Amino acid sequence: ISDMDLVMILESLPANANLCKLDKFLELAISSKVCIRNEISVVRGLLHSEHLRVQEERIDLESSKVIISEFTFCGVCGKRFTSQSAFVRQTNGAISHYSCALFLFSPRHNKTYT
């Protein structure tokens, strides 16, 4: 039934067609459409809830400051940050150079050798 378009089927029936003979088909088709609509509604609600959770987490993370000074060291290479350094705050709170973070999370670095 899900492969058949209910509206197309009803439109193709002759005007004098007896719908009583189609009652089981119509009941099943409408029930299927309602079930699909309800499932989509639940999924949409779950996606919206997840979106709100992620937005709240993002706002929380963005509200914390990071202070970089001449005494701040990279969590990956151990070198100091210069005034021109681009940096990354990792999920564990560690601060590293942008290039160090790229290397740390690159596929070549994470490759396991056996």
PDB file of N, CA and C in Angstrom:
ATOM      1  N   ILE A   1       0.829  -1.192   0.000  1.00  0.00           N
ATOM      2  CA  ILE A   1       0.000   0.000   0.000  1.00  0.00           C
ATOM      3  C   ILE A   1       0.869   1.249   0.000  1.00  0.00           C
ATOM      4  N   SER A   2       2.029   1.209   0.655  1.00  0.00           N
ATOM      5  CA  SER A   2       2.859   2.395   0.727  1.00  0.00           C
ATOM      6  C   SER A   2       3.406   2.786  -0.639  1.00  0.00           C
ATOM      7  N   ASP A   3       3.482   1.840  -1.577  1.00  0.00           N
ATOM      8  CA  ASP A   3       3.983   2.145  -2.908  1.00  0.00           C
ATOM      9  C   ASP A   3       2.904   2.774  -3.788  1.00  0.00           C
ATOM     10  N   MET A   4       1.651   2.622  -3.399  1.00  0.00           N
ATOM     11  CA  MET A   4       0.546   3.144  -4.198  1.00  0.00           C
ATOM     12  C   MET A   4       0.122   4.503  -3.662  1.00  0.00           C
ATOM     13  N   ASP A   5      -0.137   5.416  -4.563  1.00  0.00           N
ATOM     14  CA  ASP A   5      -0.620   6.734  -4.169  1.00  0.00           C
ATOM     15  C   ASP A   5      -2.141   6.663  -4.053  1.00  0.00           C
ATOM     16  N   LEU A   6      -2.632   6.840  -2.831  1.00  0.00           N
ATOM     17  CA  LEU A   6      -4.056   6.704  -2.552  1.00  0.00           C
ATOM     18  C   LEU A   6      -4.884   7.690  -3.365  1.00  0.00           C
ATOM     19  N   VAL A   7      -4.443   8.917  -3.466  1.00  0.00           N
ATOM     20  CA  VAL A   7      -5.184   9.936  -4.221  1.00  0.00           C
ATOM     21  C   VAL A   7      -5.265   9.546  -5.695  1.00  0.00           C
ATOM     22  N   MET A   8      -4.153   9.055  -6.265  1.00  0.00           N
ATOM     23  CA  MET A   8      -4.141   8.659  -7.670  1.00  0.00           C
ATOM     24  C   MET A   8      -5.117   7.498  -7.911  1.00  0.00           C
ATOM     25  N   ILE A   9      -5.166   6.555  -6.972  1.00  0.00           N
ATOM     26  CA  ILE A   9      -6.073   5.412  -7.118  1.00  0.00           C
ATOM     27  C   ILE A   9      -7.522   5.871  -7.067  1.00  0.00           C
ATOM     28  N   LEU A  10      -7.839   6.752  -6.099  1.00  0.00           N
ATOM     29  CA  LEU A  10      -9.220   7.222  -5.979  1.00  0.00           C
ATOM     30  C   LEU A  10      -9.633   8.053  -7.192  1.00  0.00           C
ATOM     31  N   GLU A  11      -8.718   8.838  -7.726  1.00  0.00           N
ATOM     32  CA  GLU A  11      -9.042   9.648  -8.909  1.00  0.00           C
ATOM     33  C   GLU A  11      -9.249   8.787 -10.153  1.00  0.00           C
ATOM     34  N   SER A  12      -8.611   7.618 -10.201  1.00  0.00           N
ATOM     35  CA  SER A  12      -8.740   6.761 -11.379  1.00  0.00           C
ATOM     36  C   SER A  12     -10.015   5.912 -11.351  1.00  0.00           C
ATOM     37  N   LEU A  13     -10.708   5.907 -10.212  1.00  0.00           N
ATOM     38  CA  LEU A  13     -11.963   5.142 -10.130  1.00  0.00           C
ATOM     39  C   LEU A  13     -13.067   5.853 -10.899  1.00  0.00           C
ATOM     40  N   PRO A  14     -13.969   5.088 -11.465  1.00  0.00           N
ATOM     41  CA  PRO A  14     -15.113   5.717 -12.137  1.00  0.00           C
ATOM     42  C   PRO A  14     -16.011   6.418 -11.105  1.00  0.00           C
ATOM     43  N   ALA A  15     -16.758   7.395 -11.553  1.00  0.00           N
ATOM     44  CA  ALA A  15     -17.596   8.195 -10.653  1.00  0.00           C
ATOM     45  C   ALA A  15     -18.642   7.354  -9.937  1.00  0.00           C
ATOM     46  N   ASN A  16     -19.098   6.284 -10.557  1.00  0.00           N
ATOM     47  CA  ASN A  16     -20.134   5.464  -9.939  1.00  0.00           C
ATOM     48  C   ASN A  16     -19.564   4.263  -9.185  1.00  0.00           C
ATOM     49  N   ALA A  17     -18.272   4.281  -8.857  1.00  0.00           N
ATOM     50  CA  ALA A  17     -17.642   3.159  -8.147  1.00  0.00           C
ATOM     51  C   ALA A  17     -18.180   3.066  -6.730  1.00  0.00           C
ATOM     52  N   ASN A  18     -18.361   1.833  -6.266  1.00  0.00           N
ATOM     53  CA  ASN A  18     -18.876   1.577  -4.922  1.00  0.00           C
ATOM     54  C   ASN A  18     -17.688   1.535  -3.957  1.00  0.00           C
ATOM     55  N   LEU A  19     -17.538   2.575  -3.108  1.00  0.00           N
ATOM     56  CA  LEU A  19     -16.418   2.659  -2.181  1.00  0.00           C
ATOM     57  C   LEU A  19     -16.544   1.673  -1.016  1.00  0.00           C
ATOM     58  N   CYS A  20     -17.726   1.130  -0.812  1.00  0.00           N
ATOM     59  CA  CYS A  20     -17.910   0.151   0.280  1.00  0.00           C
ATOM     60  C   CYS A  20     -17.047  -1.086   0.048  1.00  0.00           C
ATOM     61  N   LYS A  21     -16.824  -1.407  -1.212  1.00  0.00           N
ATOM     62  CA  LYS A  21     -16.001  -2.577  -1.518  1.00  0.00           C
ATOM     63  C   LYS A  21     -14.515  -2.300  -1.248  1.00  0.00           C
ATOM     64  N   LEU A  22     -14.156  -1.051  -1.140  1.00  0.00           N
ATOM     65  CA  LEU A  22     -12.761  -0.670  -0.908  1.00  0.00           C
ATOM     66  C   LEU A  22     -12.499  -0.282   0.545  1.00  0.00           C
ATOM     67  N   ASP A  23     -13.463  -0.525   1.439  1.00  0.00           N
ATOM     68  CA  ASP A  23     -13.330  -0.013   2.802  1.00  0.00           C
ATOM     69  C   ASP A  23     -12.100  -0.554   3.529  1.00  0.00           C
ATOM     70  N   LYS A  24     -11.776  -1.830   3.375  1.00  0.00           N
ATOM     71  CA  LYS A  24     -10.592  -2.394   4.044  1.00  0.00           C
ATOM     72  C   LYS A  24      -9.301  -1.775   3.491  1.00  0.00           C
ATOM     73  N   PHE A  25      -9.271  -1.636   2.162  1.00  0.00           N
ATOM     74  CA  PHE A  25      -8.098  -1.018   1.534  1.00  0.00           C
ATOM     75  C   PHE A  25      -7.938   0.427   1.991  1.00  0.00           C
ATOM     76  N   LEU A  26      -9.016   1.190   1.988  1.00  0.00           N
ATOM     77  CA  LEU A  26      -8.960   2.589   2.392  1.00  0.00           C
ATOM     78  C   LEU A  26      -8.570   2.724   3.861  1.00  0.00           C
ATOM     79  N   GLU A  27      -9.137   1.869   4.695  1.00  0.00           N
ATOM     80  CA  GLU A  27      -8.812   1.898   6.126  1.00  0.00           C
ATOM     81  C   GLU A  27      -7.326   1.631   6.347  1.00  0.00           C
ATOM     82  N   LEU A  28      -6.804   0.629   5.672  1.00  0.00           N
ATOM     83  CA  LEU A  28      -5.383   0.288   5.801  1.00  0.00           C
ATOM     84  C   LEU A  28      -4.492   1.388   5.231  1.00  0.00           C
ATOM     85  N   ALA A  29      -4.883   1.946   4.101  1.00  0.00           N
ATOM     86  CA  ALA A  29      -4.082   2.999   3.467  1.00  0.00           C
ATOM     87  C   ALA A  29      -4.045   4.250   4.338  1.00  0.00           C
ATOM     88  N   ILE A  30      -5.189   4.645   4.860  1.00  0.00           N
ATOM     89  CA  ILE A  30      -5.241   5.844   5.706  1.00  0.00           C
ATOM     90  C   ILE A  30      -4.492   5.601   7.015  1.00  0.00           C
ATOM     91  N   SER A  31      -4.661   4.424   7.577  1.00  0.00           N
ATOM     92  CA  SER A  31      -3.955   4.075   8.818  1.00  0.00           C
ATOM     93  C   SER A  31      -2.442   4.114   8.605  1.00  0.00           C
ATOM     94  N   SER A  32      -1.995   3.617   7.468  1.00  0.00           N
ATOM     95  CA  SER A  32      -0.568   3.630   7.141  1.00  0.00           C
ATOM     96  C   SER A  32      -0.048   5.054   7.020  1.00  0.00           C
ATOM     97  N   LYS A  33      -0.807   5.915   6.349  1.00  0.00           N
ATOM     98  CA  LYS A  33      -0.403   7.318   6.186  1.00  0.00           C
ATOM     99  C   LYS A  33      -0.349   8.032   7.539  1.00  0.00           C
ATOM    100  N   VAL A  34      -1.310   7.770   8.417  1.00  0.00           N
ATOM    101  CA  VAL A  34      -1.327   8.386   9.740  1.00  0.00           C
ATOM    102  C   VAL A  34      -0.133   7.903  10.561  1.00  0.00           C
ATOM    103  N   CYS A  35       0.179   6.628  10.465  1.00  0.00           N
ATOM    104  CA  CYS A  35       1.320   6.066  11.191  1.00  0.00           C
ATOM    105  C   CYS A  35       2.625   6.708  10.728  1.00  0.00           C
ATOM    106  N   ILE A  36       2.781   6.840   9.433  1.00  0.00           N
ATOM    107  CA  ILE A  36       3.994   7.471   8.882  1.00  0.00           C
ATOM    108  C   ILE A  36       4.073   8.923   9.328  1.00  0.00           C
ATOM    109  N   ARG A  37       2.945   9.645   9.288  1.00  0.00           N
ATOM    110  CA  ARG A  37       2.930  11.043   9.719  1.00  0.00           C
ATOM    111  C   ARG A  37       3.315  11.166  11.192  1.00  0.00           C
ATOM    112  N   ASN A  38       2.809  10.255  12.036  1.00  0.00           N
ATOM    113  CA  ASN A  38       3.143  10.281  13.462  1.00  0.00           C
ATOM    114  C   ASN A  38       4.626   9.985  13.698  1.00  0.00           C
ATOM    115  N   GLU A  39       5.177   9.037  12.953  1.00  0.00           N
ATOM    116  CA  GLU A  39       6.599   8.722  13.085  1.00  0.00           C
ATOM    117  C   GLU A  39       7.457   9.917  12.677  1.00  0.00           C
ATOM    118  N   ILE A  40       7.080  10.580  11.609  1.00  0.00           N
ATOM    119  CA  ILE A  40       7.816  11.766  11.155  1.00  0.00           C
ATOM    120  C   ILE A  40       7.743  12.861  12.210  1.00  0.00           C
ATOM    121  N   SER A  41       6.591  13.011  12.824  1.00  0.00           N
ATOM    122  CA  SER A  41       6.418  14.014  13.869  1.00  0.00           C
ATOM    123  C   SER A  41       7.310  13.720  15.072  1.00  0.00           C
ATOM    124  N   VAL A  42       7.410  12.466  15.468  1.00  0.00           N
ATOM    125  CA  VAL A  42       8.280  12.074  16.585  1.00  0.00           C
ATOM    126  C   VAL A  42       9.741  12.334  16.238  1.00  0.00           C
ATOM    127  N   VAL A  43      10.146  11.951  15.036  1.00  0.00           N
ATOM    128  CA  VAL A  43      11.529  12.170  14.605  1.00  0.00           C
ATOM    129  C   VAL A  43      11.832  13.666  14.554  1.00  0.00           C
ATOM    130  N   ARG A  44      10.904  14.453  14.051  1.00  0.00           N
ATOM    131  CA  ARG A  44      11.092  15.907  13.992  1.00  0.00           C
ATOM    132  C   ARG A  44      11.252  16.483  15.405  1.00  0.00           C
ATOM    133  N   GLY A  45      10.446  16.010  16.351  1.00  0.00           N
ATOM    134  CA  GLY A  45      10.564  16.460  17.735  1.00  0.00           C
ATOM    135  C   GLY A  45      11.891  16.072  18.355  1.00  0.00           C
ATOM    136  N   LEU A  46      12.343  14.856  18.080  1.00  0.00           N
ATOM    137  CA  LEU A  46      13.639  14.409  18.601  1.00  0.00           C
ATOM    138  C   LEU A  46      14.785  15.225  18.004  1.00  0.00           C
ATOM    139  N   LEU A  47      14.711  15.507  16.716  1.00  0.00           N
ATOM    140  CA  LEU A  47      15.744  16.322  16.072  1.00  0.00           C
ATOM    141  C   LEU A  47      15.769  17.739  16.639  1.00  0.00           C
ATOM    142  N   HIS A  48      14.605  18.291  16.894  1.00  0.00           N
ATOM    143  CA  HIS A  48      14.538  19.633  17.473  1.00  0.00           C
ATOM    144  C   HIS A  48      15.128  19.631  18.881  1.00  0.00           C
ATOM    145  N   SER A  49      14.815  18.612  19.651  1.00  0.00           N
ATOM    146  CA  SER A  49      15.362  18.493  21.007  1.00  0.00           C
ATOM    147  C   SER A  49      16.881  18.378  20.970  1.00  0.00           C
ATOM    148  N   GLU A  50      17.396  17.575  20.054  1.00  0.00           N
ATOM    149  CA  GLU A  50      18.849  17.423  19.912  1.00  0.00           C
ATOM    150  C   GLU A  50      19.482  18.740  19.470  1.00  0.00           C
ATOM    151  N   HIS A  51      18.836  19.446  18.574  1.00  0.00           N
ATOM    152  CA  HIS A  51      19.338  20.740  18.117  1.00  0.00           C
ATOM    153  C   HIS A  51      19.437  21.713  19.295  1.00  0.00           C
ATOM    154  N   LEU A  52      18.412  21.762  20.123  1.00  0.00           N
ATOM    155  CA  LEU A  52      18.430  22.654  21.288  1.00  0.00           C
ATOM    156  C   LEU A  52      19.525  22.264  22.268  1.00  0.00           C
ATOM    157  N   ARG A  53      19.731  20.960  22.463  1.00  0.00           N
ATOM    158  CA  ARG A  53      20.777  20.495  23.375  1.00  0.00           C
ATOM    159  C   ARG A  53      22.159  20.908  22.863  1.00  0.00           C
ATOM    160  N   VAL A  54      22.387  20.741  21.569  1.00  0.00           N
ATOM    161  CA  VAL A  54      23.675  21.101  20.978  1.00  0.00           C
ATOM    162  C   VAL A  54      23.887  22.613  21.049  1.00  0.00           C
ATOM    163  N   GLN A  55      22.831  23.395  20.804  1.00  0.00           N
ATOM    164  CA  GLN A  55      22.946  24.852  20.893  1.00  0.00           C
ATOM    165  C   GLN A  55      23.293  25.276  22.320  1.00  0.00           C
ATOM    166  N   GLU A  56      22.656  24.655  23.303  1.00  0.00           N
ATOM    167  CA  GLU A  56      22.949  24.975  24.702  1.00  0.00           C
ATOM    168  C   GLU A  56      24.396  24.628  25.047  1.00  0.00           C
ATOM    169  N   GLU A  57      24.853  23.484  24.569  1.00  0.00           N
ATOM    170  CA  GLU A  57      26.245  23.076  24.806  1.00  0.00           C
ATOM    171  C   GLU A  57      27.216  24.042  24.130  1.00  0.00           C
ATOM    172  N   ARG A  58      26.902  24.461  22.905  1.00  0.00           N
ATOM    173  CA  ARG A  58      27.748  25.409  22.184  1.00  0.00           C
ATOM    174  C   ARG A  58      27.834  26.736  22.926  1.00  0.00           C
ATOM    175  N   ILE A  59      26.694  27.231  23.387  1.00  0.00           N
ATOM    176  CA  ILE A  59      26.675  28.496  24.119  1.00  0.00           C
ATOM    177  C   ILE A  59      27.489  28.380  25.398  1.00  0.00           C
ATOM    178  N   ASP A  60      27.354  27.260  26.082  1.00  0.00           N
ATOM    179  CA  ASP A  60      28.116  27.037  27.316  1.00  0.00           C
ATOM    180  C   ASP A  60      29.618  27.013  27.035  1.00  0.00           C
ATOM    181  N   LEU A  61      30.019  26.310  25.965  1.00  0.00           N
ATOM    182  CA  LEU A  61      31.443  26.236  25.631  1.00  0.00           C
ATOM    183  C   LEU A  61      31.988  27.583  25.169  1.00  0.00           C
ATOM    184  N   GLU A  62      31.203  28.331  24.433  1.00  0.00           N
ATOM    185  CA  GLU A  62      31.659  29.622  23.945  1.00  0.00           C
ATOM    186  C   GLU A  62      31.730  30.672  25.051  1.00  0.00           C
ATOM    187  N   SER A  63      31.048  30.432  26.153  1.00  0.00           N
ATOM    188  CA  SER A  63      31.046  31.420  27.221  1.00  0.00           C
ATOM    189  C   SER A  63      32.291  31.335  28.108  1.00  0.00           C
ATOM    190  N   SER A  64      33.068  30.269  27.981  1.00  0.00           N
ATOM    191  CA  SER A  64      34.278  30.163  28.792  1.00  0.00           C
ATOM    192  C   SER A  64      35.448  30.807  28.048  1.00  0.00           C
ATOM    193  N   LYS A  65      36.264  31.590  28.781  1.00  0.00           N
ATOM    194  CA  LYS A  65      37.384  32.268  28.144  1.00  0.00           C
ATOM    195  C   LYS A  65      38.655  31.444  28.225  1.00  0.00           C
ATOM    196  N   VAL A  66      39.523  31.742  27.293  1.00  0.00           N
ATOM    197  CA  VAL A  66      40.855  31.149  27.265  1.00  0.00           C
ATOM    198  C   VAL A  66      41.842  32.305  27.283  1.00  0.00           C
ATOM    199  N   ILE A  67      42.734  32.276  28.261  1.00  0.00           N
ATOM    200  CA  ILE A  67      43.745  33.331  28.361  1.00  0.00           C
ATOM    201  C   ILE A  67      45.084  32.738  27.944  1.00  0.00           C
ATOM    202  N   ILE A  68      45.657  33.333  26.908  1.00  0.00           N
ATOM    203  CA  ILE A  68      46.949  32.895  26.392  1.00  0.00           C
ATOM    204  C   ILE A  68      47.982  33.960  26.777  1.00  0.00           C
ATOM    205  N   SER A  69      49.040  33.529  27.412  1.00  0.00           N
ATOM    206  CA  SER A  69      50.125  34.459  27.764  1.00  0.00           C
ATOM    207  C   SER A  69      51.452  33.852  27.310  1.00  0.00           C
ATOM    208  N   GLU A  70      52.539  34.555  27.601  1.00  0.00           N
ATOM    209  CA  GLU A  70      53.853  34.030  27.232  1.00  0.00           C
ATOM    210  C   GLU A  70      54.228  32.802  28.057  1.00  0.00           C
ATOM    211  N   PHE A  71      53.443  32.522  29.088  1.00  0.00           N
ATOM    212  CA  PHE A  71      53.706  31.344  29.934  1.00  0.00           C
ATOM    213  C   PHE A  71      52.784  30.175  29.604  1.00  0.00           C
ATOM    214  N   THR A  72      52.001  30.307  28.541  1.00  0.00           N
ATOM    215  CA  THR A  72      51.108  29.230  28.110  1.00  0.00           C
ATOM    216  C   THR A  72      51.849  28.353  27.107  1.00  0.00           C
ATOM    217  N   PHE A  73      51.802  27.050  27.339  1.00  0.00           N
ATOM    218  CA  PHE A  73      52.501  26.100  26.468  1.00  0.00           C
ATOM    219  C   PHE A  73      51.498  25.227  25.723  1.00  0.00           C
ATOM    220  N   CYS A  74      51.895  24.826  24.531  1.00  0.00           N
ATOM    221  CA  CYS A  74      51.084  23.943  23.689  1.00  0.00           C
ATOM    222  C   CYS A  74      50.987  22.572  24.361  1.00  0.00           C
ATOM    223  N   GLY A  75      49.780  22.031  24.403  1.00  0.00           N
ATOM    224  CA  GLY A  75      49.564  20.717  25.004  1.00  0.00           C
ATOM    225  C   GLY A  75      50.081  19.575  24.157  1.00  0.00           C
ATOM    226  N   VAL A  76      50.452  19.838  22.898  1.00  0.00           N
ATOM    227  CA  VAL A  76      50.939  18.779  22.011  1.00  0.00           C
ATOM    228  C   VAL A  76      52.459  18.822  21.886  1.00  0.00           C
ATOM    229  N   CYS A  77      52.998  19.985  21.489  1.00  0.00           N
ATOM    230  CA  CYS A  77      54.444  20.065  21.233  1.00  0.00           C
ATOM    231  C   CYS A  77      55.229  20.637  22.415  1.00  0.00           C
ATOM    232  N   GLY A  78      54.543  21.285  23.360  1.00  0.00           N
ATOM    233  CA  GLY A  78      55.209  21.822  24.533  1.00  0.00           C
ATOM    234  C   GLY A  78      55.864  23.178  24.321  1.00  0.00           C
ATOM    235  N   LYS A  79      55.750  23.766  23.145  1.00  0.00           N
ATOM    236  CA  LYS A  79      56.353  25.077  22.864  1.00  0.00           C
ATOM    237  C   LYS A  79      55.407  26.193  23.314  1.00  0.00           C
ATOM    238  N   ARG A  80      55.999  27.374  23.521  1.00  0.00           N
ATOM    239  CA  ARG A  80      55.212  28.534  23.897  1.00  0.00           C
ATOM    240  C   ARG A  80      54.457  29.084  22.693  1.00  0.00           C
ATOM    241  N   PHE A  81      53.417  29.836  22.996  1.00  0.00           N
ATOM    242  CA  PHE A  81      52.656  30.506  21.950  1.00  0.00           C
ATOM    243  C   PHE A  81      53.275  31.873  21.680  1.00  0.00           C
ATOM    244  N   THR A  82      53.422  32.225  20.409  1.00  0.00           N
ATOM    245  CA  THR A  82      53.885  33.562  20.049  1.00  0.00           C
ATOM    246  C   THR A  82      52.660  34.442  19.842  1.00  0.00           C
ATOM    247  N   SER A  83      52.870  35.706  19.654  1.00  0.00           N
ATOM    248  CA  SER A  83      51.744  36.626  19.463  1.00  0.00           C
ATOM    249  C   SER A  83      51.015  36.361  18.148  1.00  0.00           C
ATOM    250  N   GLN A  84      51.657  35.684  17.206  1.00  0.00           N
ATOM    251  CA  GLN A  84      51.060  35.408  15.909  1.00  0.00           C
ATOM    252  C   GLN A  84      50.496  33.992  15.809  1.00  0.00           C
ATOM    253  N   SER A  85      50.517  33.222  16.900  1.00  0.00           N
ATOM    254  CA  SER A  85      50.089  31.815  16.861  1.00  0.00           C
ATOM    255  C   SER A  85      48.570  31.683  16.774  1.00  0.00           C
ATOM    256  N   ALA A  86      48.154  30.788  15.914  1.00  0.00           N
ATOM    257  CA  ALA A  86      46.750  30.379  15.897  1.00  0.00           C
ATOM    258  C   ALA A  86      46.640  29.207  16.848  1.00  0.00           C
ATOM    259  N   PHE A  87      45.578  29.162  17.641  1.00  0.00           N
ATOM    260  CA  PHE A  87      45.475  28.095  18.627  1.00  0.00           C
ATOM    261  C   PHE A  87      44.104  27.442  18.590  1.00  0.00           C
ATOM    262  N   VAL A  88      44.042  26.272  19.232  1.00  0.00           N
ATOM    263  CA  VAL A  88      42.823  25.480  19.281  1.00  0.00           C
ATOM    264  C   VAL A  88      42.603  25.069  20.733  1.00  0.00           C
ATOM    265  N   ARG A  89      41.357  25.194  21.181  1.00  0.00           N
ATOM    266  CA  ARG A  89      40.993  24.661  22.497  1.00  0.00           C
ATOM    267  C   ARG A  89      40.319  23.320  22.248  1.00  0.00           C
ATOM    268  N   GLN A  90      40.942  22.263  22.717  1.00  0.00           N
ATOM    269  CA  GLN A  90      40.422  20.922  22.488  1.00  0.00           C
ATOM    270  C   GLN A  90      39.286  20.632  23.463  1.00  0.00           C
ATOM    271  N   THR A  91      38.556  19.559  23.210  1.00  0.00           N
ATOM    272  CA  THR A  91      37.398  19.229  24.039  1.00  0.00           C
ATOM    273  C   THR A  91      37.778  18.932  25.490  1.00  0.00           C
ATOM    274  N   ASN A  92      39.002  18.494  25.715  1.00  0.00           N
ATOM    275  CA  ASN A  92      39.442  18.226  27.087  1.00  0.00           C
ATOM    276  C   ASN A  92      39.962  19.478  27.784  1.00  0.00           C
ATOM    277  N   GLY A  93      39.903  20.642  27.099  1.00  0.00           N
ATOM    278  CA  GLY A  93      40.329  21.907  27.676  1.00  0.00           C
ATOM    279  C   GLY A  93      41.770  22.273  27.366  1.00  0.00           C
ATOM    280  N   ALA A  94      42.546  21.357  26.807  1.00  0.00           N
ATOM    281  CA  ALA A  94      43.943  21.635  26.485  1.00  0.00           C
ATOM    282  C   ALA A  94      44.026  22.624  25.328  1.00  0.00           C
ATOM    283  N   ILE A  95      45.047  23.474  25.369  1.00  0.00           N
ATOM    284  CA  ILE A  95      45.284  24.461  24.319  1.00  0.00           C
ATOM    285  C   ILE A  95      46.474  23.988  23.499  1.00  0.00           C
ATOM    286  N   SER A  96      46.339  24.041  22.186  1.00  0.00           N
ATOM    287  CA  SER A  96      47.450  23.647  21.324  1.00  0.00           C
ATOM    288  C   SER A  96      47.511  24.565  20.115  1.00  0.00           C
ATOM    289  N   HIS A  97      48.665  24.556  19.447  1.00  0.00           N
ATOM    290  CA  HIS A  97      48.783  25.279  18.188  1.00  0.00           C
ATOM    291  C   HIS A  97      47.800  24.660  17.191  1.00  0.00           C
ATOM    292  N   TYR A  98      47.324  25.471  16.295  1.00  0.00           N
ATOM    293  CA  TYR A  98      46.403  24.985  15.264  1.00  0.00           C
ATOM    294  C   TYR A  98      47.059  23.874  14.445  1.00  0.00           C
ATOM    295  N   SER A  99      48.321  24.083  14.066  1.00  0.00           N
ATOM    296  CA  SER A  99      49.026  23.079  13.252  1.00  0.00           C
ATOM    297  C   SER A  99      49.255  21.792  14.044  1.00  0.00           C
ATOM    298  N   CYS A 100      49.495  21.901  15.342  1.00  0.00           N
ATOM    299  CA  CYS A 100      49.668  20.698  16.173  1.00  0.00           C
ATOM    300  C   CYS A 100      48.361  19.910  16.243  1.00  0.00           C
ATOM    301  N   ALA A 101      47.240  20.633  16.363  1.00  0.00           N
ATOM    302  CA  ALA A 101      45.936  19.964  16.413  1.00  0.00           C
ATOM    303  C   ALA A 101      45.627  19.286  15.090  1.00  0.00           C
ATOM    304  N   LEU A 102      45.985  19.939  13.980  1.00  0.00           N
ATOM    305  CA  LEU A 102      45.780  19.313  12.668  1.00  0.00           C
ATOM    306  C   LEU A 102      46.564  18.011  12.564  1.00  0.00           C
ATOM    307  N   PHE A 103      47.815  18.045  13.029  1.00  0.00           N
ATOM    308  CA  PHE A 103      48.645  16.845  12.988  1.00  0.00           C
ATOM    309  C   PHE A 103      48.088  15.777  13.918  1.00  0.00           C
ATOM    310  N   LEU A 104      47.678  16.186  15.106  1.00  0.00           N
ATOM    311  CA  LEU A 104      47.190  15.234  16.108  1.00  0.00           C
ATOM    312  C   LEU A 104      45.953  14.490  15.624  1.00  0.00           C
ATOM    313  N   PHE A 105      45.092  15.175  14.902  1.00  0.00           N
ATOM    314  CA  PHE A 105      43.838  14.565  14.455  1.00  0.00           C
ATOM    315  C   PHE A 105      43.856  14.154  12.990  1.00  0.00           C
ATOM    316  N   SER A 106      45.028  14.159  12.377  1.00  0.00           N
ATOM    317  CA  SER A 106      45.117  13.750  10.979  1.00  0.00           C
ATOM    318  C   SER A 106      45.008  12.234  10.861  1.00  0.00           C
ATOM    319  N   PRO A 107      44.508  11.723   9.733  1.00  0.00           N
ATOM    320  CA  PRO A 107      44.376  10.274   9.544  1.00  0.00           C
ATOM    321  C   PRO A 107      45.727   9.553   9.615  1.00  0.00           C
ATOM    322  N   ARG A 108      46.782  10.201   9.143  1.00  0.00           N
ATOM    323  CA  ARG A 108      48.108   9.545   9.184  1.00  0.00           C
ATOM    324  C   ARG A 108      48.583   9.349  10.615  1.00  0.00           C
ATOM    325  N   HIS A 109      48.293  10.318  11.475  1.00  0.00           N
ATOM    326  CA  HIS A 109      48.730  10.221  12.870  1.00  0.00           C
ATOM    327  C   HIS A 109      47.932   9.166  13.623  1.00  0.00           C
ATOM    328  N   ASN A 110      46.659   9.007  13.290  1.00  0.00           N
ATOM    329  CA  ASN A 110      45.793   8.063  13.992  1.00  0.00           C
ATOM    330  C   ASN A 110      45.836   6.654  13.412  1.00  0.00           C
ATOM    331  N   LYS A 111      46.616   6.445  12.372  1.00  0.00           N
ATOM    332  CA  LYS A 111      46.708   5.131  11.734  1.00  0.00           C
ATOM    333  C   LYS A 111      47.423   4.174  12.678  1.00  0.00           C
ATOM    334  N   THR A 112      46.874   3.000  12.853  1.00  0.00           N
ATOM    335  CA  THR A 112      47.506   1.992  13.704  1.00  0.00           C
ATOM    336  C   THR A 112      48.327   1.054  12.846  1.00  0.00           C
ATOM    337  N   TYR A 113      49.514   0.772  13.284  1.00  0.00           N
ATOM    338  CA  TYR A 113      50.395  -0.124  12.551  1.00  0.00           C
ATOM    339  C   TYR A 113      50.454  -1.465  13.266  1.00  0.00           C
ATOM    340  N   THR A 114      50.299  -2.535  12.513  1.00  0.00           N
ATOM    341  CA  THR A 114      50.356  -3.875  13.109  1.00  0.00           C
ATOM    342  C   THR A 114      51.513  -4.654  12.568  1.00  0.00           C
TER     343      THR A 114
END
